[in-house]
């Protein structure tokens, strides 16, 4: 497994690579959301059913716009998200028609977050778009909190480990359905 800095990850991600990287709370697994083979690979690595969908993280809301159907959102709903971003809040938003079912599962929405974590932001800025982001763990297992956890659990399965410190938050992000305002998971 390669150990890289965020700036060295662009070609690896564009070529379908799967990486582990630090986030606000735990290590995440990520890939290019437009590479269906890479998204499928993350699901296989995690042993996660495709129908649950995945989260995408970005450094800026503009990176998420190509994936969302903003016509279904009011300015007020968007302002609610903008008031909490960047930060540990994930919003379930309407997905643009034609998006991969591997990303959104069997939903008409996708979970998105604008991250405040410097490594996540650098990764997204380097790639020029959001990343698929899911906790680095096998389905039903606790998420990875250390480099050793990543190396032990994912040896031979991922392409690189991006170096950096975890943020101070030790719980998953709060998930809010932007259309209903309902809190789906309280972080």
N, C-alpha and C. Protein backbone atom coordinates (compact mmCIF):
# COMPACT_ATOMS: atom_id res chain seq x y z
N UNK A 1 0.85 -1.18 0.00
CA UNK A 1 0.00 0.00 0.00
C UNK A 1 0.89 1.23 0.00
N UNK A 2 0.66 2.13 -0.94
CA UNK A 2 1.41 3.38 -1.02
C UNK A 2 0.99 4.33 0.08
N UNK A 3 1.94 5.08 0.60
CA UNK A 3 1.63 6.19 1.50
C UNK A 3 1.87 7.44 0.70
N UNK A 4 0.83 8.25 0.51
CA UNK A 4 0.91 9.45 -0.33
C UNK A 4 0.48 10.67 0.45
N UNK A 5 0.85 11.81 -0.09
CA UNK A 5 0.27 13.07 0.34
C UNK A 5 -0.93 13.33 -0.56
N UNK A 6 -1.86 14.13 -0.11
CA UNK A 6 -3.08 14.39 -0.88
C UNK A 6 -2.77 14.87 -2.29
N UNK A 7 -1.75 15.73 -2.42
CA UNK A 7 -1.43 16.30 -3.72
C UNK A 7 -0.98 15.25 -4.73
N UNK A 8 -0.50 14.10 -4.26
CA UNK A 8 -0.03 13.06 -5.16
C UNK A 8 -1.08 12.04 -5.54
N UNK A 9 -2.32 12.31 -5.24
CA UNK A 9 -3.38 11.32 -5.41
C UNK A 9 -4.21 11.46 -6.68
N UNK A 10 -4.09 12.55 -7.39
CA UNK A 10 -5.01 12.83 -8.50
C UNK A 10 -5.02 11.73 -9.55
N UNK A 11 -3.87 11.37 -10.10
CA UNK A 11 -3.86 10.38 -11.18
C UNK A 11 -4.33 9.02 -10.68
N UNK A 12 -3.93 8.68 -9.46
CA UNK A 12 -4.36 7.40 -8.87
C UNK A 12 -5.89 7.34 -8.82
N UNK A 13 -6.53 8.42 -8.37
CA UNK A 13 -7.98 8.47 -8.28
C UNK A 13 -8.62 8.44 -9.67
N UNK A 14 -8.09 9.22 -10.60
CA UNK A 14 -8.65 9.24 -11.95
C UNK A 14 -8.52 7.89 -12.64
N UNK A 15 -7.50 7.12 -12.26
CA UNK A 15 -7.28 5.79 -12.83
C UNK A 15 -8.11 4.71 -12.13
N UNK A 16 -8.98 5.10 -11.20
CA UNK A 16 -9.85 4.13 -10.54
C UNK A 16 -9.34 3.63 -9.21
N UNK A 17 -8.35 4.30 -8.65
CA UNK A 17 -7.80 3.88 -7.37
C UNK A 17 -8.75 4.12 -6.21
N UNK A 18 -8.56 3.32 -5.17
CA UNK A 18 -9.29 3.48 -3.92
C UNK A 18 -8.27 3.85 -2.85
N UNK A 19 -8.58 4.90 -2.10
CA UNK A 19 -7.66 5.41 -1.09
C UNK A 19 -8.31 5.39 0.29
N UNK A 20 -7.46 5.38 1.31
CA UNK A 20 -7.90 5.63 2.69
C UNK A 20 -7.33 6.99 3.07
N UNK A 21 -8.08 7.77 3.83
CA UNK A 21 -7.64 9.12 4.18
C UNK A 21 -8.32 9.55 5.48
N UNK A 22 -7.69 10.48 6.20
CA UNK A 22 -8.28 10.95 7.45
C UNK A 22 -9.43 11.93 7.19
N UNK A 23 -10.42 11.89 8.07
CA UNK A 23 -11.54 12.83 8.02
C UNK A 23 -11.70 13.47 9.40
N UNK A 24 -12.80 14.16 9.59
CA UNK A 24 -13.07 14.80 10.88
C UNK A 24 -13.14 13.81 12.03
N UNK A 25 -13.61 12.60 11.76
CA UNK A 25 -13.88 11.66 12.84
C UNK A 25 -13.08 10.36 12.74
N UNK A 26 -13.04 9.77 11.56
CA UNK A 26 -12.43 8.45 11.36
C UNK A 26 -11.71 8.45 10.02
N UNK A 27 -11.00 7.36 9.72
CA UNK A 27 -10.47 7.22 8.37
C UNK A 27 -11.61 6.88 7.42
N UNK A 28 -11.51 7.39 6.21
CA UNK A 28 -12.50 7.11 5.19
C UNK A 28 -11.87 6.34 4.04
N UNK A 29 -12.72 5.72 3.25
CA UNK A 29 -12.31 5.14 1.98
C UNK A 29 -12.95 5.99 0.91
N UNK A 30 -12.18 6.29 -0.14
CA UNK A 30 -12.71 7.16 -1.17
C UNK A 30 -12.24 6.80 -2.55
N UNK A 31 -12.96 7.36 -3.53
CA UNK A 31 -12.62 7.16 -4.94
C UNK A 31 -13.31 8.25 -5.74
N UNK A 32 -13.02 8.25 -7.04
CA UNK A 32 -13.65 9.15 -7.99
C UNK A 32 -15.11 8.73 -8.16
N UNK A 33 -16.08 9.61 -7.87
CA UNK A 33 -17.48 9.23 -7.98
C UNK A 33 -17.93 8.94 -9.42
N UNK A 34 -17.14 9.38 -10.40
CA UNK A 34 -17.50 9.16 -11.80
C UNK A 34 -16.91 7.88 -12.36
N UNK A 35 -16.18 7.14 -11.55
CA UNK A 35 -15.57 5.89 -11.99
C UNK A 35 -16.35 4.74 -11.36
N UNK A 36 -17.29 4.18 -12.13
CA UNK A 36 -18.19 3.16 -11.59
C UNK A 36 -17.44 1.92 -11.09
N UNK A 37 -16.34 1.56 -11.77
CA UNK A 37 -15.56 0.40 -11.33
C UNK A 37 -14.94 0.66 -9.95
N UNK A 38 -14.47 1.88 -9.72
CA UNK A 38 -13.90 2.22 -8.42
C UNK A 38 -14.97 2.23 -7.33
N UNK A 39 -16.14 2.77 -7.65
CA UNK A 39 -17.24 2.78 -6.67
C UNK A 39 -17.64 1.35 -6.32
N UNK A 40 -17.74 0.51 -7.33
CA UNK A 40 -18.07 -0.90 -7.11
C UNK A 40 -17.01 -1.57 -6.24
N UNK A 41 -15.78 -1.21 -6.48
CA UNK A 41 -14.68 -1.80 -5.71
C UNK A 41 -14.78 -1.43 -4.23
N UNK A 42 -15.11 -0.16 -3.93
CA UNK A 42 -15.29 0.24 -2.53
C UNK A 42 -16.40 -0.58 -1.88
N UNK A 43 -17.50 -0.75 -2.57
CA UNK A 43 -18.60 -1.54 -2.02
C UNK A 43 -18.15 -2.97 -1.74
N UNK A 44 -17.38 -3.55 -2.66
CA UNK A 44 -16.86 -4.91 -2.46
C UNK A 44 -15.90 -4.97 -1.28
N UNK A 45 -14.98 -4.00 -1.20
CA UNK A 45 -14.00 -3.97 -0.10
C UNK A 45 -14.71 -3.90 1.24
N UNK A 46 -15.71 -3.04 1.33
CA UNK A 46 -16.45 -2.86 2.59
C UNK A 46 -17.47 -3.95 2.86
N UNK A 47 -17.78 -4.74 1.82
CA UNK A 47 -18.85 -5.73 1.91
C UNK A 47 -20.18 -5.02 2.23
N UNK A 48 -20.38 -3.88 1.55
CA UNK A 48 -21.57 -3.04 1.76
C UNK A 48 -22.54 -3.25 0.61
N UNK A 49 -23.81 -3.48 0.90
CA UNK A 49 -24.81 -3.62 -0.16
C UNK A 49 -24.94 -2.32 -0.96
N UNK A 50 -25.04 -2.43 -2.28
CA UNK A 50 -25.12 -1.25 -3.15
C UNK A 50 -26.36 -0.42 -2.88
N UNK A 51 -27.45 -1.06 -2.48
CA UNK A 51 -28.72 -0.34 -2.36
C UNK A 51 -28.75 0.69 -1.23
N UNK A 52 -27.76 0.67 -0.33
CA UNK A 52 -27.72 1.65 0.76
C UNK A 52 -27.22 3.02 0.30
N UNK A 53 -26.54 3.07 -0.84
CA UNK A 53 -25.99 4.34 -1.31
C UNK A 53 -24.74 4.72 -0.55
N UNK A 54 -24.11 5.80 -0.97
CA UNK A 54 -22.86 6.28 -0.39
C UNK A 54 -22.93 7.78 -0.16
N UNK A 55 -21.94 8.30 0.54
CA UNK A 55 -21.81 9.73 0.78
C UNK A 55 -20.73 10.28 -0.15
N UNK A 56 -20.92 11.51 -0.58
CA UNK A 56 -19.86 12.23 -1.29
C UNK A 56 -19.46 13.43 -0.45
N UNK A 57 -18.14 13.68 -0.39
CA UNK A 57 -17.62 14.86 0.31
C UNK A 57 -16.97 15.79 -0.71
N UNK A 58 -17.00 17.08 -0.39
CA UNK A 58 -16.42 18.08 -1.28
C UNK A 58 -15.74 19.15 -0.43
N UNK A 59 -14.93 19.95 -1.10
CA UNK A 59 -14.31 21.09 -0.43
C UNK A 59 -15.18 22.34 -0.57
N UNK A 60 -16.11 22.29 -1.52
CA UNK A 60 -16.95 23.44 -1.82
C UNK A 60 -18.25 22.92 -2.44
N UNK A 61 -19.35 23.58 -2.17
CA UNK A 61 -20.64 23.14 -2.69
C UNK A 61 -20.65 23.06 -4.21
N UNK A 62 -19.92 23.95 -4.88
CA UNK A 62 -19.91 23.94 -6.36
C UNK A 62 -19.46 22.58 -6.91
N UNK A 63 -18.60 21.87 -6.17
CA UNK A 63 -18.16 20.56 -6.64
C UNK A 63 -19.29 19.54 -6.63
N UNK A 64 -20.29 19.76 -5.79
CA UNK A 64 -21.42 18.83 -5.68
C UNK A 64 -22.52 19.10 -6.71
N UNK A 65 -22.60 20.31 -7.20
CA UNK A 65 -23.71 20.71 -8.06
C UNK A 65 -23.94 19.81 -9.27
N UNK A 66 -22.92 19.30 -9.96
CA UNK A 66 -23.19 18.43 -11.11
C UNK A 66 -23.91 17.12 -10.76
N UNK A 67 -23.95 16.78 -9.50
CA UNK A 67 -24.54 15.52 -9.06
C UNK A 67 -25.94 15.69 -8.47
N UNK A 68 -26.36 16.94 -8.28
CA UNK A 68 -27.62 17.23 -7.59
C UNK A 68 -28.66 17.81 -8.51
N UNK A 69 -29.93 17.58 -8.16
CA UNK A 69 -31.04 18.20 -8.87
C UNK A 69 -31.53 19.38 -8.01
N UNK A 70 -30.91 20.53 -8.21
CA UNK A 70 -31.23 21.70 -7.40
C UNK A 70 -32.63 22.24 -7.68
N UNK A 71 -33.24 21.83 -8.80
CA UNK A 71 -34.59 22.32 -9.11
C UNK A 71 -35.60 21.86 -8.07
N UNK A 72 -35.26 20.84 -7.31
CA UNK A 72 -36.17 20.34 -6.28
C UNK A 72 -35.91 21.00 -4.91
N UNK A 73 -34.99 21.95 -4.87
CA UNK A 73 -34.63 22.58 -3.60
C UNK A 73 -34.97 24.07 -3.62
N UNK A 74 -35.42 24.56 -2.48
CA UNK A 74 -35.68 26.00 -2.35
C UNK A 74 -34.40 26.70 -1.90
N UNK A 75 -34.36 28.00 -2.09
CA UNK A 75 -33.22 28.78 -1.60
C UNK A 75 -33.09 28.64 -0.09
N UNK A 76 -34.22 28.58 0.59
CA UNK A 76 -34.20 28.44 2.05
C UNK A 76 -33.56 27.10 2.46
N UNK A 77 -33.89 26.03 1.77
CA UNK A 77 -33.29 24.73 2.08
C UNK A 77 -31.78 24.77 1.86
N UNK A 78 -31.37 25.35 0.74
CA UNK A 78 -29.93 25.45 0.48
C UNK A 78 -29.24 26.31 1.52
N UNK A 79 -29.86 27.38 1.96
CA UNK A 79 -29.25 28.23 2.97
C UNK A 79 -29.06 27.49 4.30
N UNK A 80 -29.97 26.56 4.61
CA UNK A 80 -29.81 25.74 5.82
C UNK A 80 -28.54 24.91 5.74
N UNK A 81 -28.26 24.34 4.59
CA UNK A 81 -27.03 23.56 4.42
C UNK A 81 -25.82 24.47 4.47
N UNK A 82 -25.87 25.59 3.75
CA UNK A 82 -24.73 26.50 3.70
C UNK A 82 -24.38 27.03 5.09
N UNK A 83 -25.39 27.18 5.96
CA UNK A 83 -25.15 27.68 7.31
C UNK A 83 -24.36 26.67 8.16
N UNK A 84 -24.38 25.40 7.78
CA UNK A 84 -23.69 24.36 8.56
C UNK A 84 -22.40 23.89 7.90
N UNK A 85 -22.14 24.34 6.70
CA UNK A 85 -20.94 23.91 5.96
C UNK A 85 -19.91 25.02 5.91
N UNK A 86 -18.62 24.69 5.85
CA UNK A 86 -18.10 23.33 5.97
C UNK A 86 -18.21 22.85 7.41
N UNK A 87 -18.42 21.57 7.55
CA UNK A 87 -18.55 21.00 8.88
C UNK A 87 -19.14 19.61 8.87
N UNK A 88 -19.38 19.06 10.06
CA UNK A 88 -19.78 17.66 10.21
C UNK A 88 -21.28 17.40 10.00
N UNK A 89 -21.84 18.02 8.96
CA UNK A 89 -23.25 17.82 8.64
C UNK A 89 -23.37 17.29 7.22
N UNK A 90 -24.05 16.18 7.10
CA UNK A 90 -24.31 15.55 5.81
C UNK A 90 -25.77 15.79 5.49
N UNK A 91 -26.04 16.25 4.27
CA UNK A 91 -27.41 16.50 3.85
C UNK A 91 -27.78 15.52 2.74
N UNK A 92 -28.96 14.94 2.85
CA UNK A 92 -29.51 14.09 1.80
C UNK A 92 -30.26 15.00 0.86
N UNK A 93 -29.77 15.07 -0.39
CA UNK A 93 -30.32 15.99 -1.39
C UNK A 93 -30.77 15.23 -2.63
N UNK A 94 -31.69 15.80 -3.40
CA UNK A 94 -32.14 15.13 -4.62
C UNK A 94 -30.98 14.93 -5.60
N UNK A 95 -30.92 13.75 -6.16
CA UNK A 95 -29.84 13.41 -7.08
C UNK A 95 -30.26 13.73 -8.51
N UNK A 96 -29.31 14.16 -9.31
CA UNK A 96 -29.56 14.44 -10.73
C UNK A 96 -29.91 13.14 -11.44
N UNK A 97 -30.86 13.20 -12.33
CA UNK A 97 -31.28 12.02 -13.09
C UNK A 97 -30.09 11.44 -13.85
N UNK A 98 -30.01 10.12 -13.88
CA UNK A 98 -28.95 9.44 -14.59
C UNK A 98 -27.74 9.11 -13.75
N UNK A 99 -27.76 9.46 -12.46
CA UNK A 99 -26.63 9.14 -11.58
C UNK A 99 -26.54 7.64 -11.36
N UNK A 100 -25.35 7.17 -11.14
CA UNK A 100 -25.11 5.75 -10.90
C UNK A 100 -25.89 5.27 -9.68
N UNK A 101 -26.54 4.15 -9.82
CA UNK A 101 -27.25 3.52 -8.70
C UNK A 101 -26.27 3.10 -7.61
N UNK A 102 -25.02 2.89 -7.96
CA UNK A 102 -24.03 2.53 -6.94
C UNK A 102 -23.80 3.69 -5.98
N UNK A 103 -23.96 4.92 -6.45
CA UNK A 103 -23.78 6.09 -5.59
C UNK A 103 -25.01 6.36 -4.74
N UNK A 104 -26.19 6.29 -5.36
CA UNK A 104 -27.40 6.70 -4.64
C UNK A 104 -28.25 5.53 -4.14
N UNK A 105 -27.81 4.29 -4.42
CA UNK A 105 -28.59 3.15 -4.00
C UNK A 105 -29.93 3.14 -4.71
N UNK A 106 -30.98 2.72 -4.04
CA UNK A 106 -32.29 2.76 -4.68
C UNK A 106 -33.10 3.98 -4.24
N UNK A 107 -32.37 5.08 -4.00
CA UNK A 107 -32.99 6.33 -3.57
C UNK A 107 -32.99 7.34 -4.71
N UNK A 108 -33.82 8.38 -4.58
CA UNK A 108 -33.81 9.49 -5.53
C UNK A 108 -33.00 10.65 -4.97
N UNK A 109 -32.09 10.31 -4.05
CA UNK A 109 -31.30 11.32 -3.36
C UNK A 109 -29.90 10.76 -3.11
N UNK A 110 -29.00 11.66 -2.69
CA UNK A 110 -27.65 11.27 -2.34
C UNK A 110 -27.20 12.09 -1.14
N UNK A 111 -26.40 11.48 -0.29
CA UNK A 111 -25.89 12.14 0.90
C UNK A 111 -24.60 12.88 0.53
N UNK A 112 -24.54 14.19 0.89
CA UNK A 112 -23.39 15.02 0.53
C UNK A 112 -22.95 15.87 1.72
N UNK A 113 -21.65 16.17 1.75
CA UNK A 113 -21.10 16.99 2.83
C UNK A 113 -19.98 17.85 2.27
N UNK A 114 -19.90 19.09 2.75
CA UNK A 114 -18.75 19.94 2.48
C UNK A 114 -17.90 19.88 3.74
N UNK A 115 -16.72 19.33 3.59
CA UNK A 115 -15.85 19.03 4.73
C UNK A 115 -15.01 20.23 5.14
N UNK A 116 -14.71 20.29 6.42
CA UNK A 116 -13.78 21.29 6.95
C UNK A 116 -12.39 20.69 7.15
N UNK A 117 -12.24 19.37 6.97
CA UNK A 117 -10.95 18.71 7.22
C UNK A 117 -9.95 19.10 6.13
N UNK A 118 -8.76 19.55 6.50
CA UNK A 118 -7.80 20.03 5.49
C UNK A 118 -7.38 18.97 4.48
N UNK A 119 -7.23 17.72 4.88
CA UNK A 119 -6.83 16.67 3.93
C UNK A 119 -7.97 16.39 2.95
N UNK A 120 -9.18 16.30 3.44
CA UNK A 120 -10.33 16.06 2.56
C UNK A 120 -10.46 17.22 1.56
N UNK A 121 -10.33 18.42 2.05
CA UNK A 121 -10.44 19.59 1.17
C UNK A 121 -9.34 19.58 0.10
N UNK A 122 -8.11 19.25 0.51
CA UNK A 122 -7.01 19.19 -0.46
C UNK A 122 -7.23 18.09 -1.49
N UNK A 123 -7.72 16.93 -1.04
CA UNK A 123 -8.01 15.84 -1.98
C UNK A 123 -9.04 16.28 -3.03
N UNK A 124 -10.12 16.88 -2.57
CA UNK A 124 -11.19 17.31 -3.48
C UNK A 124 -10.70 18.43 -4.40
N UNK A 125 -9.92 19.36 -3.88
CA UNK A 125 -9.39 20.43 -4.72
C UNK A 125 -8.41 19.88 -5.75
N UNK A 126 -7.59 18.91 -5.34
CA UNK A 126 -6.64 18.29 -6.26
C UNK A 126 -7.37 17.55 -7.38
N UNK A 127 -8.42 16.82 -7.01
CA UNK A 127 -9.20 16.06 -7.99
C UNK A 127 -10.12 16.97 -8.81
N UNK A 128 -10.50 18.10 -8.22
CA UNK A 128 -11.39 19.04 -8.91
C UNK A 128 -12.85 18.63 -8.84
N UNK A 129 -13.19 17.76 -7.91
CA UNK A 129 -14.57 17.31 -7.73
C UNK A 129 -14.68 16.58 -6.39
N UNK A 130 -15.88 16.17 -6.02
CA UNK A 130 -16.04 15.48 -4.75
C UNK A 130 -15.45 14.07 -4.80
N UNK A 131 -15.34 13.49 -3.64
CA UNK A 131 -14.92 12.09 -3.49
C UNK A 131 -16.08 11.29 -2.94
N UNK A 132 -16.17 10.03 -3.35
CA UNK A 132 -17.00 9.10 -2.60
C UNK A 132 -16.33 8.99 -1.24
N UNK A 133 -17.10 8.99 -0.20
CA UNK A 133 -16.53 8.92 1.15
C UNK A 133 -17.37 8.00 2.01
N UNK A 134 -16.74 6.97 2.49
CA UNK A 134 -17.41 6.04 3.38
C UNK A 134 -16.42 5.65 4.45
N UNK A 135 -16.89 5.37 5.65
CA UNK A 135 -15.97 5.04 6.72
C UNK A 135 -15.13 3.81 6.36
N UNK A 136 -13.87 3.84 6.78
CA UNK A 136 -12.94 2.75 6.49
C UNK A 136 -13.17 1.62 7.49
N UNK A 137 -14.06 0.74 7.12
CA UNK A 137 -14.36 -0.43 7.94
C UNK A 137 -15.13 -1.42 7.08
N UNK A 138 -15.15 -2.66 7.53
CA UNK A 138 -16.03 -3.64 6.92
C UNK A 138 -17.42 -3.40 7.46
N UNK A 139 -18.44 -3.69 6.67
CA UNK A 139 -19.82 -3.46 7.10
C UNK A 139 -20.06 -4.07 8.47
N UNK A 140 -20.58 -3.27 9.39
CA UNK A 140 -20.91 -3.74 10.73
C UNK A 140 -19.76 -3.70 11.71
N UNK A 141 -18.56 -3.37 11.27
CA UNK A 141 -17.39 -3.30 12.15
C UNK A 141 -17.11 -1.85 12.52
N UNK A 142 -16.35 -1.63 13.62
CA UNK A 142 -16.00 -0.25 13.97
C UNK A 142 -15.08 0.39 12.91
N UNK A 143 -15.20 1.70 12.69
CA UNK A 143 -14.35 2.37 11.71
C UNK A 143 -12.90 2.47 12.16
N UNK A 144 -12.00 2.56 11.19
CA UNK A 144 -10.57 2.67 11.46
C UNK A 144 -10.23 4.04 12.04
N UNK A 145 -9.42 4.02 13.09
CA UNK A 145 -8.98 5.25 13.74
C UNK A 145 -7.47 5.46 13.63
N UNK A 146 -6.74 4.46 13.16
CA UNK A 146 -5.28 4.56 13.09
C UNK A 146 -4.78 4.02 11.75
N UNK A 147 -3.54 4.40 11.42
CA UNK A 147 -2.88 3.86 10.23
C UNK A 147 -2.78 2.35 10.35
N UNK A 148 -2.47 1.85 11.55
CA UNK A 148 -2.38 0.41 11.77
C UNK A 148 -3.70 -0.29 11.47
N UNK A 149 -4.81 0.32 11.87
CA UNK A 149 -6.13 -0.25 11.56
C UNK A 149 -6.31 -0.39 10.05
N UNK A 150 -5.91 0.65 9.31
CA UNK A 150 -6.04 0.62 7.84
C UNK A 150 -5.17 -0.49 7.27
N UNK A 151 -3.91 -0.53 7.69
CA UNK A 151 -2.98 -1.51 7.14
C UNK A 151 -3.40 -2.93 7.46
N UNK A 152 -3.94 -3.15 8.64
CA UNK A 152 -4.37 -4.49 9.04
C UNK A 152 -5.63 -4.91 8.30
N UNK A 153 -6.62 -4.04 8.25
CA UNK A 153 -7.92 -4.39 7.67
C UNK A 153 -7.91 -4.42 6.14
N UNK A 154 -7.14 -3.51 5.52
CA UNK A 154 -7.26 -3.34 4.08
C UNK A 154 -5.98 -3.67 3.29
N UNK A 155 -5.06 -4.39 3.91
CA UNK A 155 -3.81 -4.76 3.21
C UNK A 155 -4.15 -5.48 1.91
N UNK A 156 -3.57 -5.01 0.82
CA UNK A 156 -3.78 -5.63 -0.48
C UNK A 156 -5.10 -5.30 -1.14
N UNK A 157 -5.96 -4.48 -0.50
CA UNK A 157 -7.27 -4.17 -1.07
C UNK A 157 -7.42 -2.74 -1.55
N UNK A 158 -6.65 -1.82 -0.95
CA UNK A 158 -6.71 -0.43 -1.38
C UNK A 158 -5.38 -0.04 -1.99
N UNK A 159 -5.38 1.06 -2.72
CA UNK A 159 -4.20 1.46 -3.47
C UNK A 159 -3.27 2.40 -2.73
N UNK A 160 -3.80 3.20 -1.82
CA UNK A 160 -2.95 4.17 -1.12
C UNK A 160 -3.60 4.62 0.18
N UNK A 161 -2.73 5.05 1.07
CA UNK A 161 -3.13 5.67 2.33
C UNK A 161 -2.63 7.11 2.28
N UNK A 162 -3.54 8.05 2.40
CA UNK A 162 -3.19 9.46 2.41
C UNK A 162 -2.90 9.85 3.85
N UNK A 163 -1.76 10.47 4.04
CA UNK A 163 -1.32 10.79 5.39
C UNK A 163 -2.00 12.04 5.93
N UNK A 164 -2.18 12.07 7.24
CA UNK A 164 -2.77 13.22 7.92
C UNK A 164 -3.40 12.80 9.23
N UNK A 165 -3.73 13.79 10.02
CA UNK A 165 -4.33 13.56 11.33
C UNK A 165 -5.85 13.55 11.23
N UNK A 166 -6.47 12.74 12.08
CA UNK A 166 -7.93 12.78 12.20
C UNK A 166 -8.32 14.09 12.87
N UNK A 167 -9.52 14.56 12.58
CA UNK A 167 -10.04 15.74 13.25
C UNK A 167 -10.43 15.40 14.69
N UNK A 168 -10.95 16.36 15.39
CA UNK A 168 -11.29 16.19 16.81
C UNK A 168 -12.63 15.52 17.04
N UNK A 169 -13.46 15.46 16.03
CA UNK A 169 -14.78 14.87 16.18
C UNK A 169 -14.64 13.35 16.23
N UNK A 170 -15.23 12.71 17.18
CA UNK A 170 -15.10 11.26 17.29
C UNK A 170 -16.42 10.53 17.07
N UNK A 171 -17.32 11.17 16.37
CA UNK A 171 -18.58 10.53 16.03
C UNK A 171 -18.93 10.86 14.60
N UNK A 172 -19.72 10.03 13.96
CA UNK A 172 -20.10 10.29 12.56
C UNK A 172 -20.87 11.60 12.44
N UNK A 173 -20.90 12.13 11.23
CA UNK A 173 -21.62 13.38 10.98
C UNK A 173 -23.12 13.21 11.18
N UNK A 174 -23.75 14.31 11.52
CA UNK A 174 -25.21 14.34 11.58
C UNK A 174 -25.73 14.29 10.15
N UNK A 175 -26.75 13.48 9.90
CA UNK A 175 -27.35 13.38 8.56
C UNK A 175 -28.76 13.95 8.62
N UNK A 176 -29.02 14.90 7.71
CA UNK A 176 -30.31 15.60 7.67
C UNK A 176 -30.89 15.48 6.26
N UNK A 177 -32.16 15.11 6.18
CA UNK A 177 -32.87 15.13 4.90
C UNK A 177 -33.24 16.58 4.61
N UNK A 178 -32.65 17.15 3.59
CA UNK A 178 -32.85 18.58 3.33
C UNK A 178 -34.29 18.91 2.95
N UNK A 179 -34.99 17.98 2.32
CA UNK A 179 -36.36 18.27 1.88
C UNK A 179 -37.34 18.28 3.05
N UNK A 180 -37.20 17.33 3.98
CA UNK A 180 -38.14 17.24 5.09
C UNK A 180 -37.62 17.93 6.35
N UNK A 181 -36.31 18.14 6.43
CA UNK A 181 -35.70 18.68 7.64
C UNK A 181 -35.48 17.64 8.72
N UNK A 182 -35.86 16.40 8.45
CA UNK A 182 -35.74 15.32 9.43
C UNK A 182 -34.28 14.94 9.65
N UNK A 183 -33.90 14.78 10.93
CA UNK A 183 -32.56 14.29 11.26
C UNK A 183 -32.59 12.77 11.17
N UNK A 184 -31.79 12.23 10.26
CA UNK A 184 -31.76 10.78 10.03
C UNK A 184 -30.74 10.09 10.92
N UNK A 185 -29.68 10.82 11.27
CA UNK A 185 -28.68 10.29 12.21
C UNK A 185 -28.13 11.49 12.96
N UNK A 186 -28.15 11.42 14.27
CA UNK A 186 -27.65 12.51 15.09
C UNK A 186 -26.21 12.19 15.48
N UNK A 187 -25.26 12.96 14.93
CA UNK A 187 -23.83 12.71 15.15
C UNK A 187 -23.35 13.00 16.51
